[in-house]
C-alpha atoms as a PDB file:
ATOM      1  CA  MET A   1     152.506 -60.495  68.106  1.00  0.00           C
ATOM      2  CA  ASN A   2     150.909 -62.556  65.776  1.00  0.00           C
ATOM      3  CA  LEU A   3     148.212 -62.140  62.862  1.00  0.00           C
ATOM      4  CA  VAL A   4     145.432 -64.033  65.122  1.00  0.00           C
ATOM      5  CA  GLU A   5     146.213 -62.462  68.032  1.00  0.00           C
ATOM      6  CA  GLU A   6     146.728 -58.947  66.626  1.00  0.00           C
ATOM      7  CA  ALA A   7     143.514 -59.305  65.082  1.00  0.00           C
ATOM      8  CA  PHE A   8     141.753 -60.141  68.711  1.00  0.00           C
ATOM      9  CA  SER A   9     143.150 -57.587  70.485  1.00  0.00           C
ATOM     10  CA  ARG A  10     142.260 -54.737  67.794  1.00  0.00           C
ATOM     11  CA  LEU A  11     138.467 -55.832  68.072  1.00  0.00           C
ATOM     12  CA  PHE A  12     137.917 -56.858  71.736  1.00  0.00           C
ATOM     13  CA  SER A  13     139.892 -53.921  73.153  1.00  0.00           C
ATOM     14  CA  GLY A  14     140.967 -54.490  77.015  1.00  0.00           C
ATOM     15  CA  VAL A  15     140.576 -58.266  76.051  1.00  0.00           C
ATOM     16  CA  GLU A  16     142.944 -61.045  77.251  1.00  0.00           C
ATOM     17  CA  PHE A  17     143.711 -63.122  74.753  1.00  0.00           C
ATOM     18  CA  SER A  18     143.823 -66.634  76.103  1.00  0.00           C
ATOM     19  CA  PHE A  19     144.100 -69.148  73.530  1.00  0.00           C
ATOM     20  CA  GLU A  20     146.640 -71.037  71.089  1.00  0.00           C
ATOM     21  CA  PRO A  21     145.873 -70.324  67.836  1.00  0.00           C
ATOM     22  CA  ALA A  22     147.353 -71.806  64.676  1.00  0.00           C
ATOM     23  CA  VAL A  23     147.517 -71.051  60.466  1.00  0.00           C
ATOM     24  CA  SER A  24     147.431 -73.316  58.149  1.00  0.00           C
ATOM     25  CA  TYR A  25     147.346 -72.947  54.353  1.00  0.00           C
ATOM     26  CA  SER A  26     145.390 -75.320  52.281  1.00  0.00           C
ATOM     27  CA  GLY A  27     144.961 -75.605  48.298  1.00  0.00           C
ATOM     28  CA  LYS A  28     142.211 -77.885  49.042  1.00  0.00           C
ATOM     29  CA  PHE A  29     140.151 -74.843  49.114  1.00  0.00           C
ATOM     30  CA  LYS A  30     138.509 -72.265  46.643  1.00  0.00           C
ATOM     31  CA  PRO A  31     140.269 -68.932  46.096  1.00  0.00           C
ATOM     32  CA  TYR A  32     139.981 -66.755  49.156  1.00  0.00           C
ATOM     33  CA  ASN A  33     137.608 -69.388  51.303  1.00  0.00           C
ATOM     34  CA  ALA A  34     138.912 -69.965  54.772  1.00  0.00           C
ATOM     35  CA  THR A  35     137.312 -71.780  58.003  1.00  0.00           C
ATOM     36  CA  VAL A  36     137.896 -71.923  61.757  1.00  0.00           C
ATOM     37  CA  ARG A  37     137.945 -74.708  65.058  1.00  0.00           C
ATOM     38  CA  LYS A  38     137.816 -73.970  68.150  1.00  0.00           C
ATOM     39  CA  ILE A  39     139.371 -77.401  70.312  1.00  0.00           C
ATOM     40  CA  GLY A  40     139.215 -76.333  74.250  1.00  0.00           C
ATOM     41  CA  SER A  41     141.748 -72.774  73.658  1.00  0.00           C
ATOM     42  CA  ASN A  42     143.054 -73.881  71.016  1.00  0.00           C
ATOM     43  CA  LEU A  43     142.525 -71.964  67.642  1.00  0.00           C
ATOM     44  CA  TYR A  44     142.541 -73.433  63.876  1.00  0.00           C
ATOM     45  CA  PHE A  45     142.199 -71.081  61.383  1.00  0.00           C
ATOM     46  CA  SER A  46     142.857 -73.052  57.327  1.00  0.00           C
ATOM     47  CA  LEU A  47     143.151 -70.666  55.222  1.00  0.00           C
ATOM     48  CA  SER A  48     143.211 -70.665  50.920  1.00  0.00           C
ATOM     49  CA  ARG A  49     146.728 -70.352  49.680  1.00  0.00           C
ATOM     50  CA  SER A  50     145.513 -67.580  47.589  1.00  0.00           C
ATOM     51  CA  TRP A  51     145.392 -65.419  51.030  1.00  0.00           C
ATOM     52  CA  LYS A  52     149.562 -65.841  50.686  1.00  0.00           C
ATOM     53  CA  GLY A  53     150.421 -62.692  49.511  1.00  0.00           C
ATOM     54  CA  THR A  54     147.487 -60.813  50.220  1.00  0.00           C
ATOM     55  CA  SER A  55     148.180 -57.706  52.437  1.00  0.00           C
ATOM     56  CA  ASP A  56     148.118 -58.036  56.600  1.00  0.00           C
ATOM     57  CA  GLU A  57     145.541 -55.677  56.897  1.00  0.00           C
ATOM     58  CA  ILE A  58     143.028 -57.390  54.616  1.00  0.00           C
ATOM     59  CA  VAL A  59     143.499 -61.321  56.203  1.00  0.00           C
ATOM     60  CA  ILE A  60     143.217 -59.233  59.825  1.00  0.00           C
ATOM     61  CA  GLY A  61     139.633 -58.418  58.603  1.00  0.00           C
ATOM     62  CA  LEU A  62     139.182 -62.142  57.249  1.00  0.00           C
ATOM     63  CA  ILE A  63     140.662 -63.319  60.949  1.00  0.00           C
ATOM     64  CA  GLN A  64     138.284 -61.290  62.681  1.00  0.00           C
ATOM     65  CA  HIS A  65     135.123 -62.130  61.021  1.00  0.00           C
ATOM     66  CA  LEU A  66     135.994 -65.837  61.855  1.00  0.00           C
ATOM     67  CA  LEU A  67     136.224 -64.813  64.894  1.00  0.00           C
ATOM     68  CA  ILE A  68     133.470 -63.367  65.864  1.00  0.00           C
ATOM     69  CA  LYS A  69     131.853 -66.462  64.209  1.00  0.00           C
ATOM     70  CA  ILE A  70     133.373 -68.912  66.475  1.00  0.00           C
ATOM     71  CA  LEU A  71     133.571 -66.836  69.886  1.00  0.00           C
ATOM     72  CA  ARG A  72     129.866 -65.541  69.719  1.00  0.00           C
ATOM     73  CA  LYS A  73     129.014 -67.151  72.496  1.00  0.00           C
ATOM     74  CA  GLU A  74     131.981 -66.216  74.758  1.00  0.00           C
ATOM     75  CA  LYS A  75     130.732 -63.815  77.383  1.00  0.00           C
ATOM     76  CA  PHE A  76     133.002 -60.954  76.126  1.00  0.00           C
ATOM     77  CA  VAL A  77     131.493 -61.418  72.402  1.00  0.00           C
ATOM     78  CA  LYS A  78     127.372 -61.595  73.722  1.00  0.00           C
ATOM     79  CA  GLY A  79     127.795 -58.065  75.501  1.00  0.00           C
ATOM     80  CA  ARG A  80     128.736 -56.401  72.687  1.00  0.00           C
ATOM     81  CA  SER A  81     125.822 -55.322  70.810  1.00  0.00           C
ATOM     82  CA  LYS A  82     128.162 -53.354  67.767  1.00  0.00           C
ATOM     83  CA  MET A  83     131.517 -54.961  66.421  1.00  0.00           C
ATOM     84  CA  ALA A  84     133.391 -53.695  63.194  1.00  0.00           C
ATOM     85  CA  SER A  85     136.768 -52.688  62.449  1.00  0.00           C
ATOM     86  CA  LEU A  86     138.294 -50.623  59.362  1.00  0.00           C
ATOM     87  CA  ASN A  87     140.101 -54.455  58.626  1.00  0.00           C
ATOM     88  CA  MET A  88     136.580 -56.287  58.478  1.00  0.00           C
ATOM     89  CA  GLN A  89     135.787 -53.515  55.810  1.00  0.00           C
ATOM     90  CA  LEU A  90     139.250 -53.766  54.014  1.00  0.00           C
ATOM     91  CA  TYR A  91     138.138 -57.555  53.818  1.00  0.00           C
ATOM     92  CA  ASP A  92     134.614 -57.524  52.741  1.00  0.00           C
ATOM     93  CA  ASP A  93     135.675 -54.584  50.018  1.00  0.00           C
ATOM     94  CA  PHE A  94     138.761 -57.030  48.994  1.00  0.00           C
ATOM     95  CA  ILE A  95     135.612 -59.919  48.652  1.00  0.00           C
ATOM     96  CA  LYS A  96     133.474 -57.635  46.784  1.00  0.00           C
ATOM     97  CA  GLY A  97     135.963 -56.900  44.167  1.00  0.00           C
ATOM     98  CA  VAL A  98     137.403 -59.874  43.806  1.00  0.00           C
ATOM     99  CA  SER A  99     134.282 -60.982  42.010  1.00  0.00           C
ATOM    100  CA  GLU A 100     134.943 -57.820  39.360  1.00  0.00           C
ATOM    101  CA  VAL A 101     138.995 -59.048  38.525  1.00  0.00           C
ATOM    102  CA  THR A 102     137.955 -62.999  38.085  1.00  0.00           C
ATOM    103  CA  VAL A 103     137.836 -63.306  34.475  1.00  0.00           C
ATOM    104  CA  SER A 104     134.953 -65.654  33.333  1.00  0.00           C
ATOM    105  CA  ASN A 105     136.289 -68.596  30.910  1.00  0.00           C
ATOM    106  CA  GLY A 106     133.583 -67.803  28.367  1.00  0.00           C
ATOM    107  CA  ILE A 107     132.401 -72.394  28.355  1.00  0.00           C
ATOM    108  CA  GLY A 108     129.491 -73.051  29.586  1.00  0.00           C
ATOM    109  CA  ASP A 109     126.373 -74.977  29.277  1.00  0.00           C
ATOM    110  CA  GLU A 110     124.184 -73.724  26.502  1.00  0.00           C
ATOM    111  CA  ALA A 111     121.153 -73.441  29.027  1.00  0.00           C
ATOM    112  CA  LEU A 112     122.745 -71.576  31.329  1.00  0.00           C
ATOM    113  CA  GLU A 113     124.468 -69.199  28.638  1.00  0.00           C
ATOM    114  CA  SER A 114     120.709 -68.723  27.240  1.00  0.00           C
ATOM    115  CA  SER A 115     119.559 -67.856  30.669  1.00  0.00           C
ATOM    116  CA  PHE A 116     122.540 -65.412  32.015  1.00  0.00           C
ATOM    117  CA  ARG A 117     121.689 -63.389  28.659  1.00  0.00           C
ATOM    118  CA  ARG A 118     117.871 -63.447  28.585  1.00  0.00           C
ATOM    119  CA  VAL A 119     118.053 -62.064  32.174  1.00  0.00           C
ATOM    120  CA  ASN A 120     120.928 -60.357  31.848  1.00  0.00           C
ATOM    121  CA  GLU A 121     119.394 -58.574  28.523  1.00  0.00           C
ATOM    122  CA  LYS A 122     115.541 -58.033  30.216  1.00  0.00           C
ATOM    123  CA  TYR A 123     116.022 -57.026  33.690  1.00  0.00           C
ATOM    124  CA  PHE A 124     120.206 -55.766  33.518  1.00  0.00           C
ATOM    125  CA  LEU A 125     119.922 -53.884  30.174  1.00  0.00           C
ATOM    126  CA  GLY A 126     122.815 -56.200  29.647  1.00  0.00           C
ATOM    127  CA  PHE A 127     124.952 -54.649  31.867  1.00  0.00           C
ATOM    128  CA  VAL A 128     126.077 -57.805  33.959  1.00  0.00           C
ATOM    129  CA  ASP A 129     129.375 -58.902  33.299  1.00  0.00           C
ATOM    130  CA  ARG A 130     129.336 -63.188  32.466  1.00  0.00           C
ATOM    131  CA  PRO A 131     130.140 -64.487  35.521  1.00  0.00           C
ATOM    132  CA  GLN A 132     131.199 -68.968  35.089  1.00  0.00           C
ATOM    133  CA  LEU A 133     128.250 -70.945  34.709  1.00  0.00           C
ATOM    134  CA  GLN A 134     128.357 -74.277  36.096  1.00  0.00           C
ATOM    135  CA  TRP A 135     125.595 -76.917  36.977  1.00  0.00           C
ATOM    136  CA  GLY A 136     126.064 -78.392  40.782  1.00  0.00           C
ATOM    137  CA  SER A 137     125.071 -81.906  41.820  1.00  0.00           C
ATOM    138  CA  GLU A 138     121.412 -82.779  42.037  1.00  0.00           C
ATOM    139  CA  SER A 139     120.663 -81.180  45.375  1.00  0.00           C
ATOM    140  CA  PHE A 140     117.358 -80.101  47.131  1.00  0.00           C
ATOM    141  CA  ARG A 141     119.284 -78.013  49.868  1.00  0.00           C
ATOM    142  CA  LYS A 142     120.919 -75.252  47.898  1.00  0.00           C
ATOM    143  CA  LEU A 143     119.424 -74.785  44.917  1.00  0.00           C
ATOM    144  CA  ALA A 144     121.370 -72.303  43.592  1.00  0.00           C
ATOM    145  CA  SER A 145     124.129 -69.970  44.873  1.00  0.00           C
ATOM    146  CA  TYR A 146     126.940 -67.381  43.573  1.00  0.00           C
ATOM    147  CA  ASP A 147     130.416 -67.477  45.187  1.00  0.00           C
ATOM    148  CA  TYR A 148     131.897 -64.113  45.044  1.00  0.00           C
ATOM    149  CA  HIS A 149     135.114 -66.097  45.586  1.00  0.00           C
ATOM    150  CA  THR A 150     135.601 -67.589  42.315  1.00  0.00           C
ATOM    151  CA  ASN A 151     132.542 -65.319  40.206  1.00  0.00           C
ATOM    152  CA  MET A 152     130.340 -68.293  39.560  1.00  0.00           C
ATOM    153  CA  ILE A 153     127.024 -68.985  39.386  1.00  0.00           C
ATOM    154  CA  THR A 154     126.176 -72.354  40.339  1.00  0.00           C
ATOM    155  CA  VAL A 155     122.517 -74.281  39.833  1.00  0.00           C
ATOM    156  CA  SER A 156     121.619 -77.589  40.912  1.00  0.00           C
ATOM    157  CA  SER A 157     120.983 -80.380  38.193  1.00  0.00           C
ATOM    158  CA  LEU A 158     117.654 -80.699  39.777  1.00  0.00           C
ATOM    159  CA  PHE A 159     116.740 -78.107  36.797  1.00  0.00           C
ATOM    160  CA  LEU A 160     118.198 -79.661  34.054  1.00  0.00           C
ATOM    161  CA  GLU A 161     115.199 -80.301  32.511  1.00  0.00           C
ATOM    162  CA  ALA A 162     113.054 -76.953  34.431  1.00  0.00           C
ATOM    163  CA  PRO A 163     110.852 -74.689  32.613  1.00  0.00           C
ATOM    164  CA  GLU A 164     112.978 -71.665  31.248  1.00  0.00           C
ATOM    165  CA  ARG A 165     110.972 -69.598  33.435  1.00  0.00           C
ATOM    166  CA  ILE A 166     111.953 -71.210  36.413  1.00  0.00           C
ATOM    167  CA  LEU A 167     115.843 -71.469  35.415  1.00  0.00           C
ATOM    168  CA  ASP A 168     115.674 -67.586  34.847  1.00  0.00           C
ATOM    169  CA  TYR A 169     114.262 -67.139  38.235  1.00  0.00           C
ATOM    170  CA  LEU A 170     117.107 -69.140  39.948  1.00  0.00           C
ATOM    171  CA  MET A 171     119.903 -67.138  37.627  1.00  0.00           C
ATOM    172  CA  TYR A 172     118.577 -63.910  37.725  1.00  0.00           C
ATOM    173  CA  HIS A 173     118.249 -64.205  42.127  1.00  0.00           C
ATOM    174  CA  GLU A 174     121.894 -64.822  41.750  1.00  0.00           C
ATOM    175  CA  MET A 175     122.519 -62.136  39.536  1.00  0.00           C
ATOM    176  CA  LEU A 176     121.645 -59.937  41.908  1.00  0.00           C
ATOM    177  CA  HIS A 177     124.203 -61.150  43.794  1.00  0.00           C
ATOM    178  CA  LYS A 178     127.011 -60.388  41.892  1.00  0.00           C
ATOM    179  CA  LYS A 179     125.053 -57.083  41.353  1.00  0.00           C
ATOM    180  CA  LEU A 180     124.610 -55.654  44.992  1.00  0.00           C
ATOM    181  CA  LYS A 181     126.853 -57.725  46.432  1.00  0.00           C
ATOM    182  CA  PHE A 182     126.475 -57.683  50.492  1.00  0.00           C
ATOM    183  CA  SER A 183     126.483 -55.654  53.410  1.00  0.00           C
ATOM    184  CA  SER A 184     128.310 -56.289  56.921  1.00  0.00           C
ATOM    185  CA  SER A 185     127.480 -55.555  60.201  1.00  0.00           C
ATOM    186  CA  ASN A 186     128.349 -56.591  63.778  1.00  0.00           C
ATOM    187  CA  GLY A 187     130.412 -59.072  62.007  1.00  0.00           C
ATOM    188  CA  ARG A 188     127.688 -60.979  59.976  1.00  0.00           C
ATOM    189  CA  ILE A 189     127.112 -60.960  56.710  1.00  0.00           C
ATOM    190  CA  ARG A 190     124.079 -60.029  55.131  1.00  0.00           C
ATOM    191  CA  HIS A 191     122.820 -61.175  51.429  1.00  0.00           C
ATOM    192  CA  HIS A 192     119.255 -60.113  51.473  1.00  0.00           C
ATOM    193  CA  GLY A 193     118.912 -56.643  52.665  1.00  0.00           C
ATOM    194  CA  SER A 194     115.259 -54.329  51.418  1.00  0.00           C
ATOM    195  CA  GLU A 195     117.070 -53.442  48.601  1.00  0.00           C
ATOM    196  CA  PHE A 196     117.457 -56.936  47.422  1.00  0.00           C
ATOM    197  CA  ARG A 197     113.854 -58.512  48.130  1.00  0.00           C
ATOM    198  CA  ARG A 198     112.649 -55.146  46.081  1.00  0.00           C
ATOM    199  CA  LEU A 199     114.768 -56.060  42.915  1.00  0.00           C
ATOM    200  CA  GLU A 200     113.800 -59.954  43.377  1.00  0.00           C
ATOM    201  CA  GLY A 201     110.068 -58.857  43.173  1.00  0.00           C
ATOM    202  CA  GLN A 202     110.953 -57.205  40.070  1.00  0.00           C
ATOM    203  CA  PHE A 203     110.939 -60.608  38.570  1.00  0.00           C
ATOM    204  CA  ASP A 204     107.856 -60.883  36.343  1.00  0.00           C
ATOM    205  CA  GLY A 205     104.856 -62.338  37.824  1.00  0.00           C
ATOM    206  CA  SER A 206     107.396 -63.317  40.889  1.00  0.00           C
ATOM    207  CA  GLY A 207     104.684 -64.409  43.143  1.00  0.00           C
ATOM    208  CA  ALA A 208     103.077 -66.979  41.259  1.00  0.00           C
ATOM    209  CA  ILE A 209     106.824 -67.886  40.393  1.00  0.00           C
ATOM    210  CA  GLU A 210     107.175 -68.920  43.254  1.00  0.00           C
ATOM    211  CA  ALA A 211     104.551 -71.720  43.306  1.00  0.00           C
ATOM    212  CA  ASP A 212     105.463 -72.746  40.190  1.00  0.00           C
ATOM    213  CA  LEU A 213     108.935 -73.742  41.873  1.00  0.00           C
ATOM    214  CA  ASN A 214     107.813 -75.364  44.997  1.00  0.00           C
ATOM    215  CA  SER A 215     105.654 -77.858  42.372  1.00  0.00           C
ATOM    216  CA  PHE A 216     108.622 -78.289  40.322  1.00  0.00           C
ATOM    217  CA  ILE A 217     110.694 -79.443  43.430  1.00  0.00           C
ATOM    218  CA  ARG A 218     107.474 -81.386  44.558  1.00  0.00           C
ATOM    219  CA  SER A 219     107.686 -83.510  41.510  1.00  0.00           C
ATOM    220  CA  ARG A 220     111.572 -83.881  41.646  1.00  0.00           C
ATOM    221  CA  ARG A 221     111.030 -85.475  44.698  1.00  0.00           C
ATOM    222  CA  ARG A 222     107.735 -87.906  44.187  1.00  0.00           C
ATOM    223  CA  ALA A 223     110.156 -88.822  40.558  1.00  0.00           C
ATOM    224  CA  ARG A 224     112.789 -89.694  43.604  1.00  0.00           C
ATOM    225  CA  PRO A 225     111.965 -93.198  45.446  1.00  0.00           C
ATOM    226  CA  GLN A 226     114.008 -92.425  48.761  1.00  0.00           C
ATOM    227  CA  ARG A 227     112.735 -90.070  51.162  1.00  0.00           C
ATOM    228  CA  ILE A 228     113.940 -86.338  51.190  1.00  0.00           C
ATOM    229  CA  ARG A 229     113.108 -84.198  54.013  1.00  0.00           C
ATOM    230  CA  ARG A 230     110.873 -80.929  52.957  1.00  0.00           C
ATOM    231  CA  PHE A 231     112.723 -77.645  52.571  1.00  0.00           C
ATOM    232  CA  SER A 232     111.702 -73.975  52.218  1.00  0.00           C
ATOM    233  CA  TRP A 233     113.953 -72.533  48.740  1.00  0.00           C
ATOM    234  CA  ARG A 234     113.311 -69.119  50.142  1.00  0.00           C
ATOM    235  CA  ARG A 235     115.878 -70.161  52.799  1.00  0.00           C
ATOM    236  CA  LEU A 236     118.026 -72.184  49.995  1.00  0.00           C
ATOM    237  CA  LEU A 237     118.653 -70.005  47.884  1.00  0.00           C
ATOM    238  CA  MET A 238     121.638 -68.495  49.267  1.00  0.00           C
ATOM    239  CA  PHE A 239     125.508 -67.653  48.944  1.00  0.00           C
ATOM    240  CA  GLN A 240     128.380 -69.800  50.051  1.00  0.00           C
END
């Protein structure tokens, strides 16, 4: 029995496995990333090469997460109110731990470095280990993100000339992701739980900063000649 069939049988006990699975490893992914596609009865799993050598029990948990994602419309999935397994918990714990052992290269942009130091000292008593820091593309869709797999905070270069207060708010949001990690329920990953929202509200003037952020984004849109669709920034501050 291959890993996909084993993952399926453990998750959907008593359901016949009627798919043709294929698993491949690619160097194109970031560490510990993976995707799945379904074409007819074929399931194509593409895993980062970093998964090679990882315990099969953890990889089974990864595959189970992907199975729930790709098969969520199937009848045997819809009727289940709770879907979780020990393997999925092993996977979650593994990913949470990856960021703790991924060493930062210590190289970064001074504006991001300064923002991290200010936020770390003010809100985390300096206890958050420095992640890797980088500017991303000038994106209006994804303003900032924290990648658990690479221990990397990325901020849209849209904010290269943003006031410190706005940059610090984005940095604070992503540092909360690093600190609190995520929770998993019924195969769904949750990044913005009640504790996250409570701590997010502790940023000085958090209500006013949202208005400042939206105002800055609108000013940047007006500065660009092409039409750009409007998005809610709160939906965009997300882990990828």
